[in-house]
Amino acid sequence: MNNTITDYILVHNIRYNADQVQIIIGLKDMKHRYKILLTMKEEIKTTEQVKKLVDKFYEKVNADNLLSPVFNQEAKVNWEGHLPKMYQFWGTQLIGTGDYTGRPFPPHAELHINKEHFQRWLQLFMETVNENFEGEIAEKAKEKAKNIATIFQHKLGLIS
């Protein structure tokens, strides 16, 4: 007789929301239970998804002990004005919206930032992409972020 997985496993509970599915399963011998988390990731295709990327990233930045003081105390970022610019910037970079016309480097030139700041910025950006998105444009976003960090560090004389 051929046994199947249903001969050994009981599903105890399934919960889900927009971002995640949680399944609690147990072996039929009831000695073990396991939680399986499936994270639902999406591809970056729309301006709403770009907005989600930017919002989630800057939530991390604002909670970060190293980066938050640079943005909020030194640069005194006006978030109501900054976030729409970032939606436009990343929308242009990733999905070709073409609505960003600024110059991203000059606002960074006077800040007291170093390699550690760029490493953390890049780490948080990569985490945000990896936690929420997948696909070709997600990979493009990570590559663009690496390039931006490298170019800015060169311009600031932090790397050669």
C-alpha atoms as a PDB file:
ATOM      1  CA  MET A   1       0.000   0.000   0.000  1.00  0.00           C
ATOM      2  CA  ASN A   2       1.331   3.466  -0.928  1.00  0.00           C
ATOM      3  CA  ASN A   3       0.977   6.082   1.781  1.00  0.00           C
ATOM      4  CA  THR A   4       0.479   9.771   1.037  1.00  0.00           C
ATOM      5  CA  ILE A   5       1.325  12.824   3.096  1.00  0.00           C
ATOM      6  CA  THR A   6      -2.283  13.035   4.301  1.00  0.00           C
ATOM      7  CA  ASP A   7      -1.800   9.703   6.049  1.00  0.00           C
ATOM      8  CA  TYR A   8       0.713  11.387   8.384  1.00  0.00           C
ATOM      9  CA  ILE A   9      -0.210  15.076   8.697  1.00  0.00           C
ATOM     10  CA  LEU A  10      -3.173  16.954  10.159  1.00  0.00           C
ATOM     11  CA  VAL A  11      -3.767  20.615   9.357  1.00  0.00           C
ATOM     12  CA  HIS A  12      -4.740  22.300  12.631  1.00  0.00           C
ATOM     13  CA  ASN A  13      -5.118  25.907  11.596  1.00  0.00           C
ATOM     14  CA  ILE A  14      -4.725  28.207   8.592  1.00  0.00           C
ATOM     15  CA  ARG A  15      -4.574  31.983   8.990  1.00  0.00           C
ATOM     16  CA  TYR A  16      -3.827  34.530   6.333  1.00  0.00           C
ATOM     17  CA  ASN A  17      -3.657  38.224   5.649  1.00  0.00           C
ATOM     18  CA  ALA A  18      -2.528  40.306   2.697  1.00  0.00           C
ATOM     19  CA  ASP A  19       1.154  39.534   3.249  1.00  0.00           C
ATOM     20  CA  GLN A  20       1.366  36.099   4.812  1.00  0.00           C
ATOM     21  CA  VAL A  21      -0.203  32.660   5.177  1.00  0.00           C
ATOM     22  CA  GLN A  22       0.375  30.740   8.412  1.00  0.00           C
ATOM     23  CA  ILE A  23      -0.352  27.005   8.492  1.00  0.00           C
ATOM     24  CA  ILE A  24      -0.146  24.949  11.682  1.00  0.00           C
ATOM     25  CA  ILE A  25       0.310  21.265  10.978  1.00  0.00           C
ATOM     26  CA  GLY A  26       0.927  18.267  13.186  1.00  0.00           C
ATOM     27  CA  LEU A  27       1.907  14.692  12.728  1.00  0.00           C
ATOM     28  CA  LYS A  28      -0.975  12.303  13.273  1.00  0.00           C
ATOM     29  CA  ASP A  29       0.896  10.806  16.229  1.00  0.00           C
ATOM     30  CA  MET A  30       0.248  14.251  17.860  1.00  0.00           C
ATOM     31  CA  LYS A  31       3.755  14.395  19.305  1.00  0.00           C
ATOM     32  CA  HIS A  32       4.880  17.219  17.071  1.00  0.00           C
ATOM     33  CA  ARG A  33       3.411  20.427  15.691  1.00  0.00           C
ATOM     34  CA  TYR A  34       4.964  22.723  13.119  1.00  0.00           C
ATOM     35  CA  LYS A  35       4.234  26.253  11.989  1.00  0.00           C
ATOM     36  CA  ILE A  36       4.758  27.043   8.328  1.00  0.00           C
ATOM     37  CA  LEU A  37       4.859  30.687   7.270  1.00  0.00           C
ATOM     38  CA  LEU A  38       4.476  31.516   3.609  1.00  0.00           C
ATOM     39  CA  THR A  39       5.221  35.116   2.754  1.00  0.00           C
ATOM     40  CA  MET A  40       3.403  36.401  -0.259  1.00  0.00           C
ATOM     41  CA  LYS A  41       5.699  38.572  -2.332  1.00  0.00           C
ATOM     42  CA  GLU A  42       4.727  40.554  -5.345  1.00  0.00           C
ATOM     43  CA  GLU A  43       6.527  41.842  -8.383  1.00  0.00           C
ATOM     44  CA  ILE A  44       7.110  45.570  -8.720  1.00  0.00           C
ATOM     45  CA  LYS A  45       4.984  46.624 -11.662  1.00  0.00           C
ATOM     46  CA  THR A  46       2.876  49.596 -10.577  1.00  0.00           C
ATOM     47  CA  THR A  47       3.271  52.969  -8.898  1.00  0.00           C
ATOM     48  CA  GLU A  48       1.385  51.548  -5.891  1.00  0.00           C
ATOM     49  CA  GLN A  49       4.027  48.856  -5.495  1.00  0.00           C
ATOM     50  CA  VAL A  50       6.796  51.457  -5.811  1.00  0.00           C
ATOM     51  CA  LYS A  51       5.026  53.479  -3.108  1.00  0.00           C
ATOM     52  CA  LYS A  52       4.856  50.370  -0.905  1.00  0.00           C
ATOM     53  CA  LEU A  53       8.603  49.806  -1.366  1.00  0.00           C
ATOM     54  CA  VAL A  54       9.454  53.416  -0.515  1.00  0.00           C
ATOM     55  CA  ASP A  55       7.084  53.593   2.468  1.00  0.00           C
ATOM     56  CA  LYS A  56       8.283  50.331   4.004  1.00  0.00           C
ATOM     57  CA  PHE A  57      11.923  51.294   3.439  1.00  0.00           C
ATOM     58  CA  TYR A  58      11.560  54.684   5.113  1.00  0.00           C
ATOM     59  CA  GLU A  59       9.675  53.097   8.017  1.00  0.00           C
ATOM     60  CA  LYS A  60      12.868  51.102   8.606  1.00  0.00           C
ATOM     61  CA  VAL A  61      15.054  54.198   8.159  1.00  0.00           C
ATOM     62  CA  ASN A  62      13.007  56.150  10.692  1.00  0.00           C
ATOM     63  CA  ALA A  63      13.302  53.313  13.221  1.00  0.00           C
ATOM     64  CA  ASP A  64      17.048  52.914  12.709  1.00  0.00           C
ATOM     65  CA  ASN A  65      19.423  54.278  15.373  1.00  0.00           C
ATOM     66  CA  LEU A  66      22.101  55.215  12.847  1.00  0.00           C
ATOM     67  CA  LEU A  67      20.059  56.626   9.960  1.00  0.00           C
ATOM     68  CA  SER A  68      17.101  58.252  11.684  1.00  0.00           C
ATOM     69  CA  PRO A  69      19.196  61.042  13.276  1.00  0.00           C
ATOM     70  CA  VAL A  70      20.725  61.907   9.885  1.00  0.00           C
ATOM     71  CA  PHE A  71      17.343  62.175   8.204  1.00  0.00           C
ATOM     72  CA  ASN A  72      15.359  63.705  11.037  1.00  0.00           C
ATOM     73  CA  GLN A  73      17.815  65.819  13.033  1.00  0.00           C
ATOM     74  CA  GLU A  74      20.616  66.746  10.660  1.00  0.00           C
ATOM     75  CA  ALA A  75      18.795  66.937   7.309  1.00  0.00           C
ATOM     76  CA  LYS A  76      15.456  67.769   8.954  1.00  0.00           C
ATOM     77  CA  VAL A  77      13.620  65.929   6.181  1.00  0.00           C
ATOM     78  CA  ASN A  78      10.090  67.115   5.508  1.00  0.00           C
ATOM     79  CA  TRP A  79       8.571  63.673   4.949  1.00  0.00           C
ATOM     80  CA  GLU A  80       5.417  65.039   3.303  1.00  0.00           C
ATOM     81  CA  GLY A  81       7.607  66.536   0.595  1.00  0.00           C
ATOM     82  CA  HIS A  82      10.363  63.921   0.515  1.00  0.00           C
ATOM     83  CA  LEU A  83       8.284  60.760   0.081  1.00  0.00           C
ATOM     84  CA  PRO A  84       6.519  61.907  -3.118  1.00  0.00           C
ATOM     85  CA  LYS A  85       9.952  62.741  -4.578  1.00  0.00           C
ATOM     86  CA  MET A  86      11.129  59.240  -3.678  1.00  0.00           C
ATOM     87  CA  TYR A  87       8.028  57.703  -5.279  1.00  0.00           C
ATOM     88  CA  GLN A  88       8.874  59.630  -8.437  1.00  0.00           C
ATOM     89  CA  PHE A  89      12.584  58.785  -8.286  1.00  0.00           C
ATOM     90  CA  TRP A  90      12.091  55.041  -7.786  1.00  0.00           C
ATOM     91  CA  GLY A  91       9.135  54.953 -10.184  1.00  0.00           C
ATOM     92  CA  THR A  92      11.370  56.446 -12.873  1.00  0.00           C
ATOM     93  CA  GLN A  93      14.235  54.078 -12.045  1.00  0.00           C
ATOM     94  CA  LEU A  94      12.183  50.882 -11.823  1.00  0.00           C
ATOM     95  CA  ILE A  95       9.069  51.104 -13.955  1.00  0.00           C
ATOM     96  CA  GLY A  96       9.875  54.017 -16.244  1.00  0.00           C
ATOM     97  CA  THR A  97       7.307  56.549 -15.052  1.00  0.00           C
ATOM     98  CA  GLY A  98       9.652  59.357 -16.079  1.00  0.00           C
ATOM     99  CA  ASP A  99       8.230  61.829 -13.588  1.00  0.00           C
ATOM    100  CA  TYR A 100      11.423  62.476 -11.575  1.00  0.00           C
ATOM    101  CA  THR A 101      13.408  65.496 -12.722  1.00  0.00           C
ATOM    102  CA  GLY A 102      15.566  66.304  -9.702  1.00  0.00           C
ATOM    103  CA  ARG A 103      19.228  65.846  -8.892  1.00  0.00           C
ATOM    104  CA  PRO A 104      19.541  63.244  -6.127  1.00  0.00           C
ATOM    105  CA  PHE A 105      23.134  63.839  -5.043  1.00  0.00           C
ATOM    106  CA  PRO A 106      23.354  67.537  -3.971  1.00  0.00           C
ATOM    107  CA  PRO A 107      21.156  67.209  -0.845  1.00  0.00           C
ATOM    108  CA  HIS A 108      23.551  64.532   0.425  1.00  0.00           C
ATOM    109  CA  ALA A 109      26.768  66.498  -0.148  1.00  0.00           C
ATOM    110  CA  GLU A 110      26.622  68.491   3.101  1.00  0.00           C
ATOM    111  CA  LEU A 111      25.555  65.686   5.415  1.00  0.00           C
ATOM    112  CA  HIS A 112      27.904  64.145   7.958  1.00  0.00           C
ATOM    113  CA  ILE A 113      27.663  60.609   6.610  1.00  0.00           C
ATOM    114  CA  ASN A 114      30.223  57.871   6.162  1.00  0.00           C
ATOM    115  CA  LYS A 115      30.585  54.346   4.778  1.00  0.00           C
ATOM    116  CA  GLU A 116      28.661  52.901   7.726  1.00  0.00           C
ATOM    117  CA  HIS A 117      25.626  55.032   6.852  1.00  0.00           C
ATOM    118  CA  PHE A 118      25.692  53.814   3.262  1.00  0.00           C
ATOM    119  CA  GLN A 119      26.105  50.204   4.358  1.00  0.00           C
ATOM    120  CA  ARG A 120      23.095  50.497   6.676  1.00  0.00           C
ATOM    121  CA  TRP A 121      21.036  52.329   4.025  1.00  0.00           C
ATOM    122  CA  LEU A 122      21.809  49.556   1.570  1.00  0.00           C
ATOM    123  CA  GLN A 123      21.130  46.817   4.136  1.00  0.00           C
ATOM    124  CA  LEU A 124      17.702  48.255   4.979  1.00  0.00           C
ATOM    125  CA  PHE A 125      16.854  48.737   1.308  1.00  0.00           C
ATOM    126  CA  MET A 126      17.827  45.159   0.452  1.00  0.00           C
ATOM    127  CA  GLU A 127      15.845  43.822   3.430  1.00  0.00           C
ATOM    128  CA  THR A 128      12.784  45.782   2.354  1.00  0.00           C
ATOM    129  CA  VAL A 129      12.944  44.503  -1.201  1.00  0.00           C
ATOM    130  CA  ASN A 130      13.632  40.906  -0.137  1.00  0.00           C
ATOM    131  CA  GLU A 131      10.820  40.878   2.441  1.00  0.00           C
ATOM    132  CA  ASN A 132       8.169  42.253   0.104  1.00  0.00           C
ATOM    133  CA  PHE A 133       9.038  41.712  -3.537  1.00  0.00           C
ATOM    134  CA  GLU A 134      10.437  39.258  -6.039  1.00  0.00           C
ATOM    135  CA  GLY A 135      11.161  39.165  -9.737  1.00  0.00           C
ATOM    136  CA  GLU A 136      13.191  41.043 -12.282  1.00  0.00           C
ATOM    137  CA  ILE A 137      12.277  44.565 -11.146  1.00  0.00           C
ATOM    138  CA  ALA A 138      13.018  43.684  -7.500  1.00  0.00           C
ATOM    139  CA  GLU A 139      16.492  42.569  -8.585  1.00  0.00           C
ATOM    140  CA  LYS A 140      16.827  45.763 -10.618  1.00  0.00           C
ATOM    141  CA  ALA A 141      15.901  47.805  -7.530  1.00  0.00           C
ATOM    142  CA  LYS A 142      18.657  46.152  -5.492  1.00  0.00           C
ATOM    143  CA  GLU A 143      21.205  46.699  -8.282  1.00  0.00           C
ATOM    144  CA  LYS A 144      20.188  50.377  -8.638  1.00  0.00           C
ATOM    145  CA  ALA A 145      20.513  50.883  -4.874  1.00  0.00           C
ATOM    146  CA  LYS A 146      24.029  49.368  -4.895  1.00  0.00           C
ATOM    147  CA  ASN A 147      25.008  51.652  -7.768  1.00  0.00           C
ATOM    148  CA  ILE A 148      23.585  54.731  -6.056  1.00  0.00           C
ATOM    149  CA  ALA A 149      25.439  53.944  -2.824  1.00  0.00           C
ATOM    150  CA  THR A 150      28.702  53.430  -4.742  1.00  0.00           C
ATOM    151  CA  ILE A 151      28.366  56.607  -6.807  1.00  0.00           C
ATOM    152  CA  PHE A 152      27.453  58.758  -3.797  1.00  0.00           C
ATOM    153  CA  GLN A 153      30.378  57.374  -1.796  1.00  0.00           C
ATOM    154  CA  HIS A 154      32.753  58.128  -4.684  1.00  0.00           C
ATOM    155  CA  LYS A 155      31.429  61.684  -4.958  1.00  0.00           C
ATOM    156  CA  LEU A 156      31.834  62.161  -1.198  1.00  0.00           C
ATOM    157  CA  GLY A 157      35.384  60.811  -1.309  1.00  0.00           C
ATOM    158  CA  LEU A 158      34.558  57.886   0.973  1.00  0.00           C
ATOM    159  CA  ILE A 159      35.798  55.289  -1.539  1.00  0.00           C
ATOM    160  CA  SER A 160      38.062  55.508  -4.548  1.00  0.00           C
END
